[in-house]
Amino acid sequence: MATQKNNKVKLPTDEEITSSKADLSEHLEKIISGEISVATKKETITSKLMLIKDIIEPMKQHIIDKKITYTTLSKVLEDKINLKVSAQTLRSFCQNQLDFPKASKNKKTATSGDTSKENQFNAEDKLPQNDIDFE
């Protein structure tokens, strides 16, 4: 085998390639005819979840209603089909691939009608007293 200088990858010799041409041609014909297949797609968590999306999609309303959590669903997937996926990855998949809604952020502010003394910002409470005088 010949060796490339920079990458130290062993390349086949010209004779090895020439003698393998018939086998290569036969193999490619089998792929074209569908007799054999070659795995070219990388297996990912997303590709595995896509295989069961028809089971996950009906869970949408149950997740919205908090009858089942992503953590519970991820545990069930691990227990029943041996697919280990984190709750966060499952949440991301459902939101990005299956259009599940993202959680809404319910933060009360002084401008949203909550005028209680505890939630109002008061600069006097945050600054030292000697910084407040403007004489």
N, C-alpha and C. Protein backbone atom coordinates (compact mmCIF):
# COMPACT_ATOMS: atom_id res chain seq x y z
N MET A 1 0.83 -1.18 0.00
CA MET A 1 0.00 0.00 0.00
C MET A 1 0.87 1.25 0.00
N ALA A 2 0.45 2.23 -0.76
CA ALA A 2 1.15 3.51 -0.79
C ALA A 2 0.68 4.34 0.41
N THR A 3 1.53 5.25 0.85
CA THR A 3 1.20 6.09 2.01
C THR A 3 1.23 7.55 1.61
N GLN A 4 0.19 8.28 2.02
CA GLN A 4 0.16 9.72 1.81
C GLN A 4 1.06 10.35 2.85
N LYS A 5 1.79 11.40 2.47
CA LYS A 5 2.76 12.00 3.38
C LYS A 5 2.13 12.73 4.55
N ASN A 6 1.17 13.63 4.31
CA ASN A 6 0.65 14.49 5.36
C ASN A 6 -0.29 13.80 6.33
N ASN A 7 -1.24 13.03 5.85
CA ASN A 7 -2.26 12.46 6.70
C ASN A 7 -1.95 11.05 7.19
N LYS A 8 -0.90 10.48 6.71
CA LYS A 8 -0.49 9.12 7.08
C LYS A 8 -1.60 8.11 6.86
N VAL A 9 -2.38 8.30 5.78
CA VAL A 9 -3.43 7.37 5.41
C VAL A 9 -2.84 6.41 4.39
N LYS A 10 -3.06 5.12 4.61
CA LYS A 10 -2.54 4.13 3.66
C LYS A 10 -3.49 4.02 2.48
N LEU A 11 -2.99 4.33 1.32
CA LEU A 11 -3.78 4.23 0.10
C LEU A 11 -3.48 2.91 -0.59
N PRO A 12 -4.49 2.34 -1.26
CA PRO A 12 -4.22 1.10 -1.99
C PRO A 12 -3.30 1.36 -3.18
N THR A 13 -2.56 0.36 -3.55
CA THR A 13 -1.67 0.49 -4.72
C THR A 13 -2.52 0.46 -5.98
N ASP A 14 -1.93 0.87 -7.09
CA ASP A 14 -2.63 0.83 -8.37
C ASP A 14 -3.06 -0.59 -8.72
N GLU A 15 -2.22 -1.57 -8.41
CA GLU A 15 -2.53 -2.96 -8.71
C GLU A 15 -3.73 -3.45 -7.89
N GLU A 16 -3.81 -3.02 -6.61
CA GLU A 16 -4.94 -3.42 -5.75
C GLU A 16 -6.25 -2.84 -6.29
N ILE A 17 -6.21 -1.62 -6.73
CA ILE A 17 -7.42 -0.99 -7.28
C ILE A 17 -7.83 -1.68 -8.56
N THR A 18 -6.87 -1.92 -9.45
CA THR A 18 -7.16 -2.56 -10.73
C THR A 18 -7.76 -3.96 -10.52
N SER A 19 -7.20 -4.71 -9.58
CA SER A 19 -7.70 -6.07 -9.36
C SER A 19 -9.07 -6.08 -8.65
N SER A 20 -9.46 -4.98 -8.02
CA SER A 20 -10.74 -4.91 -7.30
C SER A 20 -11.85 -4.26 -8.11
N LYS A 21 -11.56 -3.81 -9.31
CA LYS A 21 -12.55 -3.11 -10.12
C LYS A 21 -13.79 -3.96 -10.41
N ALA A 22 -13.60 -5.21 -10.73
CA ALA A 22 -14.73 -6.08 -11.06
C ALA A 22 -15.63 -6.27 -9.84
N ASP A 23 -15.02 -6.49 -8.69
CA ASP A 23 -15.79 -6.66 -7.45
C ASP A 23 -16.54 -5.37 -7.11
N LEU A 24 -15.91 -4.22 -7.29
CA LEU A 24 -16.54 -2.93 -7.03
C LEU A 24 -17.75 -2.73 -7.94
N SER A 25 -17.57 -3.03 -9.22
CA SER A 25 -18.65 -2.87 -10.20
C SER A 25 -19.83 -3.78 -9.85
N GLU A 26 -19.55 -5.01 -9.49
CA GLU A 26 -20.61 -5.96 -9.12
C GLU A 26 -21.36 -5.48 -7.86
N HIS A 27 -20.63 -4.98 -6.90
CA HIS A 27 -21.22 -4.49 -5.65
C HIS A 27 -22.12 -3.28 -5.92
N LEU A 28 -21.66 -2.35 -6.74
CA LEU A 28 -22.46 -1.17 -7.08
C LEU A 28 -23.74 -1.55 -7.83
N GLU A 29 -23.67 -2.55 -8.70
CA GLU A 29 -24.86 -3.01 -9.42
C GLU A 29 -25.89 -3.59 -8.45
N LYS A 30 -25.43 -4.29 -7.41
CA LYS A 30 -26.34 -4.85 -6.41
C LYS A 30 -27.02 -3.73 -5.60
N ILE A 31 -26.28 -2.68 -5.33
CA ILE A 31 -26.86 -1.53 -4.63
C ILE A 31 -27.91 -0.86 -5.50
N ILE A 32 -27.61 -0.65 -6.77
CA ILE A 32 -28.53 0.00 -7.70
C ILE A 32 -29.81 -0.82 -7.87
N SER A 33 -29.67 -2.14 -7.93
CA SER A 33 -30.83 -3.01 -8.13
C SER A 33 -31.65 -3.17 -6.85
N GLY A 34 -31.12 -2.74 -5.72
CA GLY A 34 -31.83 -2.86 -4.45
C GLY A 34 -31.59 -4.19 -3.76
N GLU A 35 -30.72 -5.01 -4.31
CA GLU A 35 -30.42 -6.32 -3.72
C GLU A 35 -29.75 -6.17 -2.36
N ILE A 36 -28.91 -5.15 -2.22
CA ILE A 36 -28.28 -4.84 -0.94
C ILE A 36 -28.40 -3.34 -0.69
N SER A 37 -28.27 -2.97 0.56
CA SER A 37 -28.31 -1.55 0.89
C SER A 37 -27.09 -1.19 1.71
N VAL A 38 -26.76 0.08 1.67
CA VAL A 38 -25.62 0.57 2.41
C VAL A 38 -26.13 1.61 3.40
N ALA A 39 -25.77 1.45 4.65
CA ALA A 39 -26.18 2.41 5.68
C ALA A 39 -25.35 3.66 5.52
N THR A 40 -25.99 4.71 5.02
CA THR A 40 -25.26 5.97 4.84
C THR A 40 -25.73 7.03 5.81
N LYS A 41 -26.89 6.82 6.42
CA LYS A 41 -27.45 7.81 7.32
C LYS A 41 -26.94 7.55 8.74
N LYS A 42 -26.46 8.59 9.35
CA LYS A 42 -25.96 8.50 10.72
C LYS A 42 -27.15 8.31 11.67
N GLU A 43 -27.02 7.38 12.59
CA GLU A 43 -28.07 7.16 13.56
C GLU A 43 -27.95 8.20 14.67
N THR A 44 -29.06 8.86 14.94
CA THR A 44 -29.09 9.88 15.99
C THR A 44 -30.32 9.65 16.86
N ILE A 45 -30.35 10.33 17.98
CA ILE A 45 -31.52 10.27 18.85
C ILE A 45 -32.74 10.77 18.07
N THR A 46 -32.56 11.85 17.30
CA THR A 46 -33.68 12.39 16.53
C THR A 46 -34.20 11.37 15.53
N SER A 47 -33.30 10.65 14.86
CA SER A 47 -33.76 9.65 13.88
C SER A 47 -34.52 8.53 14.58
N LYS A 48 -34.11 8.17 15.78
CA LYS A 48 -34.82 7.13 16.54
C LYS A 48 -36.18 7.64 17.00
N LEU A 49 -36.23 8.89 17.46
CA LEU A 49 -37.50 9.46 17.90
C LEU A 49 -38.47 9.63 16.73
N MET A 50 -37.95 9.89 15.55
CA MET A 50 -38.81 10.02 14.37
C MET A 50 -39.52 8.69 14.08
N LEU A 51 -38.88 7.58 14.43
CA LEU A 51 -39.50 6.27 14.21
C LEU A 51 -40.73 6.06 15.09
N ILE A 52 -40.79 6.76 16.21
CA ILE A 52 -41.93 6.59 17.13
C ILE A 52 -42.75 7.87 17.27
N LYS A 53 -42.59 8.79 16.33
CA LYS A 53 -43.31 10.06 16.44
C LYS A 53 -44.82 9.86 16.40
N ASP A 54 -45.29 8.80 15.73
CA ASP A 54 -46.73 8.53 15.68
C ASP A 54 -47.28 8.14 17.06
N ILE A 55 -46.42 7.72 17.95
CA ILE A 55 -46.82 7.40 19.32
C ILE A 55 -46.68 8.65 20.21
N ILE A 56 -45.67 9.45 19.94
CA ILE A 56 -45.41 10.64 20.76
C ILE A 56 -46.41 11.76 20.46
N GLU A 57 -46.76 11.94 19.19
CA GLU A 57 -47.66 13.04 18.81
C GLU A 57 -48.99 13.05 19.57
N PRO A 58 -49.63 11.91 19.76
CA PRO A 58 -50.89 11.94 20.53
C PRO A 58 -50.71 12.33 22.00
N MET A 59 -49.49 12.36 22.49
CA MET A 59 -49.21 12.75 23.88
C MET A 59 -49.22 14.27 24.06
N LYS A 60 -49.33 15.00 22.96
CA LYS A 60 -49.21 16.46 23.00
C LYS A 60 -50.14 17.09 24.04
N GLN A 61 -51.43 16.79 23.95
CA GLN A 61 -52.38 17.42 24.87
C GLN A 61 -52.14 16.97 26.31
N HIS A 62 -51.71 15.72 26.49
CA HIS A 62 -51.42 15.22 27.84
C HIS A 62 -50.22 15.94 28.45
N ILE A 63 -49.25 16.28 27.61
CA ILE A 63 -48.08 17.03 28.09
C ILE A 63 -48.49 18.47 28.40
N ILE A 64 -49.30 19.05 27.54
CA ILE A 64 -49.79 20.42 27.79
C ILE A 64 -50.58 20.47 29.09
N ASP A 65 -51.42 19.45 29.30
CA ASP A 65 -52.24 19.38 30.52
C ASP A 65 -51.47 18.88 31.74
N LYS A 66 -50.20 18.59 31.53
CA LYS A 66 -49.31 18.11 32.60
C LYS A 66 -49.77 16.79 33.20
N LYS A 67 -50.43 15.96 32.40
CA LYS A 67 -50.81 14.62 32.84
C LYS A 67 -49.62 13.67 32.71
N ILE A 68 -48.70 14.02 31.84
CA ILE A 68 -47.45 13.28 31.68
C ILE A 68 -46.34 14.30 31.44
N THR A 69 -45.18 14.05 32.00
CA THR A 69 -44.06 14.97 31.84
C THR A 69 -43.05 14.40 30.86
N TYR A 70 -42.18 15.25 30.37
CA TYR A 70 -41.11 14.78 29.50
C TYR A 70 -40.19 13.81 30.26
N THR A 71 -40.00 14.04 31.53
CA THR A 71 -39.16 13.16 32.34
C THR A 71 -39.79 11.77 32.41
N THR A 72 -41.09 11.71 32.65
CA THR A 72 -41.78 10.42 32.70
C THR A 72 -41.72 9.74 31.34
N LEU A 73 -41.99 10.48 30.29
CA LEU A 73 -41.97 9.92 28.95
C LEU A 73 -40.58 9.38 28.60
N SER A 74 -39.54 10.10 28.97
CA SER A 74 -38.18 9.63 28.67
C SER A 74 -37.88 8.34 29.44
N LYS A 75 -38.37 8.24 30.67
CA LYS A 75 -38.17 7.03 31.47
C LYS A 75 -38.91 5.84 30.85
N VAL A 76 -40.12 6.08 30.38
CA VAL A 76 -40.90 5.02 29.73
C VAL A 76 -40.20 4.54 28.45
N LEU A 77 -39.67 5.48 27.67
CA LEU A 77 -38.95 5.11 26.45
C LEU A 77 -37.74 4.23 26.77
N GLU A 78 -37.05 4.57 27.83
CA GLU A 78 -35.89 3.77 28.23
C GLU A 78 -36.33 2.38 28.70
N ASP A 79 -37.39 2.32 29.50
CA ASP A 79 -37.86 1.05 30.05
C ASP A 79 -38.45 0.13 28.99
N LYS A 80 -39.25 0.69 28.08
CA LYS A 80 -40.02 -0.13 27.14
C LYS A 80 -39.31 -0.43 25.82
N ILE A 81 -38.54 0.53 25.30
CA ILE A 81 -37.89 0.28 24.00
C ILE A 81 -36.37 0.46 24.06
N ASN A 82 -35.85 0.60 25.27
CA ASN A 82 -34.40 0.70 25.47
C ASN A 82 -33.79 1.91 24.74
N LEU A 83 -34.56 2.99 24.66
CA LEU A 83 -34.07 4.23 24.04
C LEU A 83 -33.83 5.23 25.15
N LYS A 84 -32.56 5.47 25.44
CA LYS A 84 -32.20 6.39 26.52
C LYS A 84 -32.09 7.80 25.93
N VAL A 85 -32.98 8.67 26.40
CA VAL A 85 -33.03 10.05 25.92
C VAL A 85 -33.37 10.94 27.11
N SER A 86 -32.68 12.06 27.23
CA SER A 86 -32.94 12.96 28.36
C SER A 86 -34.27 13.67 28.15
N ALA A 87 -34.85 14.13 29.25
CA ALA A 87 -36.10 14.88 29.18
C ALA A 87 -35.92 16.14 28.34
N GLN A 88 -34.77 16.81 28.47
CA GLN A 88 -34.53 18.03 27.71
C GLN A 88 -34.44 17.75 26.21
N THR A 89 -33.77 16.66 25.83
CA THR A 89 -33.68 16.29 24.42
C THR A 89 -35.05 15.94 23.87
N LEU A 90 -35.83 15.22 24.66
CA LEU A 90 -37.18 14.86 24.25
C LEU A 90 -38.05 16.11 24.09
N ARG A 91 -37.93 17.04 25.03
CA ARG A 91 -38.68 18.31 24.96
C ARG A 91 -38.29 19.07 23.68
N SER A 92 -37.01 19.17 23.44
CA SER A 92 -36.52 19.87 22.26
C SER A 92 -37.04 19.22 20.98
N PHE A 93 -37.00 17.89 20.91
CA PHE A 93 -37.51 17.16 19.75
C PHE A 93 -38.99 17.45 19.54
N CYS A 94 -39.77 17.35 20.60
CA CYS A 94 -41.22 17.57 20.49
C CYS A 94 -41.53 19.00 20.06
N GLN A 95 -40.81 19.96 20.58
CA GLN A 95 -41.07 21.36 20.23
C GLN A 95 -40.60 21.69 18.82
N ASN A 96 -39.45 21.18 18.42
CA ASN A 96 -38.88 21.54 17.13
C ASN A 96 -39.38 20.68 15.98
N GLN A 97 -39.62 19.40 16.23
CA GLN A 97 -40.02 18.50 15.15
C GLN A 97 -41.54 18.27 15.09
N LEU A 98 -42.19 18.30 16.24
CA LEU A 98 -43.61 17.98 16.29
C LEU A 98 -44.49 19.18 16.64
N ASP A 99 -43.89 20.35 16.74
CA ASP A 99 -44.60 21.60 17.02
C ASP A 99 -45.36 21.60 18.34
N PHE A 100 -44.82 20.96 19.35
CA PHE A 100 -45.39 21.07 20.68
C PHE A 100 -45.13 22.49 21.16
N PRO A 101 -46.03 23.06 21.95
CA PRO A 101 -45.81 24.44 22.41
C PRO A 101 -44.70 24.53 23.45
N LYS A 102 -44.04 25.66 23.45
CA LYS A 102 -43.04 25.92 24.48
C LYS A 102 -43.75 26.47 25.70
N ALA A 103 -43.17 26.23 26.86
CA ALA A 103 -43.78 26.70 28.10
C ALA A 103 -43.83 28.22 28.09
N SER A 104 -44.94 28.76 28.55
CA SER A 104 -45.05 30.21 28.61
C SER A 104 -44.39 30.70 29.89
N LYS A 105 -43.85 31.89 29.81
CA LYS A 105 -43.17 32.49 30.96
C LYS A 105 -44.13 33.44 31.64
N ASN A 106 -44.62 33.06 32.80
CA ASN A 106 -45.57 33.89 33.54
C ASN A 106 -44.84 34.63 34.65
N LYS A 107 -44.33 35.80 34.33
CA LYS A 107 -43.64 36.63 35.32
C LYS A 107 -44.48 37.86 35.57
N LYS A 108 -44.82 38.12 36.82
CA LYS A 108 -45.58 39.32 37.17
C LYS A 108 -44.63 40.49 37.32
N THR A 109 -45.06 41.62 36.78
CA THR A 109 -44.27 42.84 36.92
C THR A 109 -45.16 43.92 37.48
N ALA A 110 -44.58 45.01 37.90
CA ALA A 110 -45.34 46.12 38.46
C ALA A 110 -46.27 46.72 37.42
N THR A 111 -45.97 46.59 36.14
CA THR A 111 -46.81 47.16 35.09
C THR A 111 -47.93 46.23 34.68
N SER A 112 -47.95 45.00 35.16
CA SER A 112 -48.99 44.06 34.75
C SER A 112 -50.15 44.04 35.73
N GLY A 113 -50.27 45.06 36.56
CA GLY A 113 -51.39 45.13 37.47
C GLY A 113 -51.05 44.74 38.89
N ASP A 114 -49.88 44.22 39.14
CA ASP A 114 -49.47 43.85 40.49
C ASP A 114 -48.79 45.07 41.11
N THR A 115 -49.51 45.75 41.97
CA THR A 115 -48.98 46.98 42.56
C THR A 115 -48.68 46.81 44.04
N SER A 116 -48.54 45.57 44.47
CA SER A 116 -48.24 45.35 45.89
C SER A 116 -46.88 45.93 46.23
N LYS A 117 -46.73 46.34 47.45
CA LYS A 117 -45.51 47.01 47.92
C LYS A 117 -44.28 46.11 47.74
N GLU A 118 -44.45 44.80 47.91
CA GLU A 118 -43.30 43.89 47.83
C GLU A 118 -42.71 43.81 46.43
N ASN A 119 -43.52 43.94 45.39
CA ASN A 119 -43.05 43.76 44.03
C ASN A 119 -42.68 45.06 43.32
N GLN A 120 -42.83 46.21 43.97
CA GLN A 120 -42.48 47.47 43.34
C GLN A 120 -41.00 47.75 43.54
N PHE A 121 -40.38 48.27 42.49
CA PHE A 121 -38.97 48.63 42.56
C PHE A 121 -38.85 50.00 43.20
N ASN A 122 -37.97 50.10 44.16
CA ASN A 122 -37.73 51.38 44.82
C ASN A 122 -36.24 51.62 44.83
N ALA A 123 -35.79 52.64 44.09
CA ALA A 123 -34.37 52.93 43.99
C ALA A 123 -33.75 53.28 45.33
N GLU A 124 -34.52 53.87 46.22
CA GLU A 124 -34.00 54.22 47.54
C GLU A 124 -33.57 52.98 48.31
N ASP A 125 -34.26 51.88 48.08
CA ASP A 125 -33.90 50.63 48.76
C ASP A 125 -32.62 50.02 48.21
N LYS A 126 -32.29 50.33 46.97
CA LYS A 126 -31.15 49.70 46.31
C LYS A 126 -29.86 50.50 46.41
N LEU A 127 -29.97 51.82 46.59
CA LEU A 127 -28.79 52.67 46.63
C LEU A 127 -28.46 53.08 48.07
N PRO A 128 -27.19 53.24 48.36
CA PRO A 128 -26.83 53.77 49.69
C PRO A 128 -27.38 55.19 49.85
N GLN A 129 -27.70 55.58 51.06
CA GLN A 129 -28.34 56.88 51.31
C GLN A 129 -27.47 58.04 50.86
N ASN A 130 -26.16 57.92 50.95
CA ASN A 130 -25.30 59.05 50.56
C ASN A 130 -25.28 59.28 49.06
N ASP A 131 -25.76 58.31 48.23
CA ASP A 131 -25.82 58.47 46.79
C ASP A 131 -27.11 59.13 46.32
N ILE A 132 -28.08 59.29 47.21
CA ILE A 132 -29.39 59.80 46.81
C ILE A 132 -29.45 61.33 46.86
N ASP A 133 -28.71 61.96 47.71
CA ASP A 133 -28.74 63.42 47.83
C ASP A 133 -28.18 64.07 46.57
N PHE A 134 -28.92 65.03 46.01
CA PHE A 134 -28.49 65.72 44.80
C PHE A 134 -28.31 67.21 45.06
N GLU A 135 -27.68 67.59 46.11
CA GLU A 135 -27.53 68.99 46.48
C GLU A 135 -26.41 69.67 45.73
